[in-house]
Amino acid sequence: MWEWAHINQFSQCDRKGHTVDSDRVEGKAKETEGELQQKWGEAKDKAGDAWEDVKDKVEDIGDDVEDRVDDHEPDSAESRA
C-alpha cells in the first residue's frame, strides 16, 4: 500500500509522478551558485595576477632597453676629451 507520510507539504510531483523536494532542489541550486561565484572570483584573481605579471615584464624589458641605450651613448665628458 502507498504511504503518503513520507511526502511533506512542500513536495511536488513531476510529470512521471516522482516526488521532488523543492527545499533540497533550492539548496542544491544555491550551493551550485556559490561554487560558481567562487570559481569566477578565482578566475578573476588569476587573470589580474597574470595582467600584473605582464605589466612587470614589459617594465623590465623597457628598463633593460634603457640601460643598453645608456651603455652605448657616449658620455658628454668623454666626448669633450
Protein backbone atom coordinates (compact mmCIF):
# COMPACT_ATOMS: atom_id res chain seq x y z
CA MET A 1 0.00 0.00 0.00
CA TRP A 2 1.23 3.51 -0.84
CA GLU A 3 2.15 5.63 2.16
CA TRP A 4 1.78 9.41 1.94
CA ALA A 5 3.56 10.09 5.23
CA HIS A 6 6.97 10.49 3.57
CA ILE A 7 5.74 13.37 1.37
CA ASN A 8 5.83 16.75 3.10
CA GLN A 9 3.71 19.79 2.25
CA PHE A 10 6.49 21.30 0.11
CA SER A 11 6.97 18.24 -2.08
CA GLN A 12 5.74 18.30 -5.64
CA CYS A 13 5.26 15.56 -8.19
CA ASP A 14 6.87 15.75 -11.59
CA ARG A 15 5.17 14.53 -14.77
CA LYS A 16 6.20 10.95 -14.09
CA GLY A 17 4.78 11.06 -10.57
CA HIS A 18 8.15 11.18 -8.80
CA THR A 19 8.29 13.24 -5.64
CA VAL A 20 10.57 16.29 -5.79
CA ASP A 21 11.62 18.00 -2.57
CA SER A 22 11.72 21.69 -3.52
CA ASP A 23 13.83 22.66 -0.48
CA ARG A 24 16.51 20.16 -1.48
CA VAL A 25 16.49 21.37 -5.08
CA GLU A 26 16.66 25.01 -4.00
CA GLY A 27 19.52 24.22 -1.61
CA LYS A 28 21.46 22.43 -4.33
CA ALA A 29 20.88 25.37 -6.70
CA LYS A 30 22.23 27.83 -4.12
CA GLU A 31 25.21 25.56 -3.43
CA THR A 32 25.99 25.40 -7.14
CA GLU A 33 25.62 29.17 -7.45
CA GLY A 34 28.07 29.64 -4.57
CA GLU A 35 30.58 27.30 -6.20
CA LEU A 36 30.26 29.19 -9.49
CA GLN A 37 30.78 32.53 -7.76
CA GLN A 38 33.89 31.15 -6.06
CA LYS A 39 35.28 29.85 -9.37
CA TRP A 40 34.53 33.22 -11.01
CA GLY A 41 36.37 35.05 -8.23
CA GLU A 42 39.35 32.70 -8.57
CA ALA A 43 39.41 33.20 -12.35
CA LYS A 44 39.30 37.00 -11.94
CA ASP A 45 42.14 36.87 -9.39
CA LYS A 46 44.21 34.66 -11.67
CA ALA A 47 43.62 36.96 -14.64
CA GLY A 48 44.53 40.00 -12.54
CA ASP A 49 47.73 38.33 -11.37
CA ALA A 50 48.63 37.41 -14.96
CA TRP A 51 48.00 41.01 -16.06
CA GLU A 52 50.27 42.32 -13.31
CA ASP A 53 52.96 39.82 -14.36
CA VAL A 54 52.74 41.04 -17.96
CA LYS A 55 52.97 44.68 -16.91
CA ASP A 56 56.01 43.90 -14.73
CA LYS A 57 57.70 42.02 -17.59
CA VAL A 58 57.10 44.90 -20.02
CA GLU A 59 58.50 47.34 -17.48
CA ASP A 60 61.58 45.11 -17.02
CA ILE A 61 62.12 44.96 -20.78
CA GLY A 62 61.81 48.74 -21.01
CA ASP A 63 64.37 49.15 -18.24
CA ASP A 64 66.76 46.74 -19.99
CA VAL A 65 66.46 48.63 -23.27
CA GLU A 66 67.01 51.93 -21.49
CA ASP A 67 70.14 50.52 -19.81
CA ARG A 68 71.51 49.27 -23.13
CA VAL A 69 70.93 52.65 -24.77
CA ASP A 70 72.65 54.40 -21.86
CA ASP A 71 75.60 51.99 -22.12
CA HIS A 72 76.10 52.77 -25.82
CA GLU A 73 75.70 56.54 -25.66
CA PRO A 74 78.94 58.46 -25.36
CA ASP A 75 79.22 60.31 -22.08
CA SER A 76 79.29 64.07 -22.56
CA ALA A 77 82.55 64.31 -20.58
CA GLU A 78 84.17 61.64 -22.74
CA SER A 79 83.10 63.30 -25.95
CA ARG A 80 84.78 66.58 -24.92
CA ALA A 81 88.14 64.90 -24.28
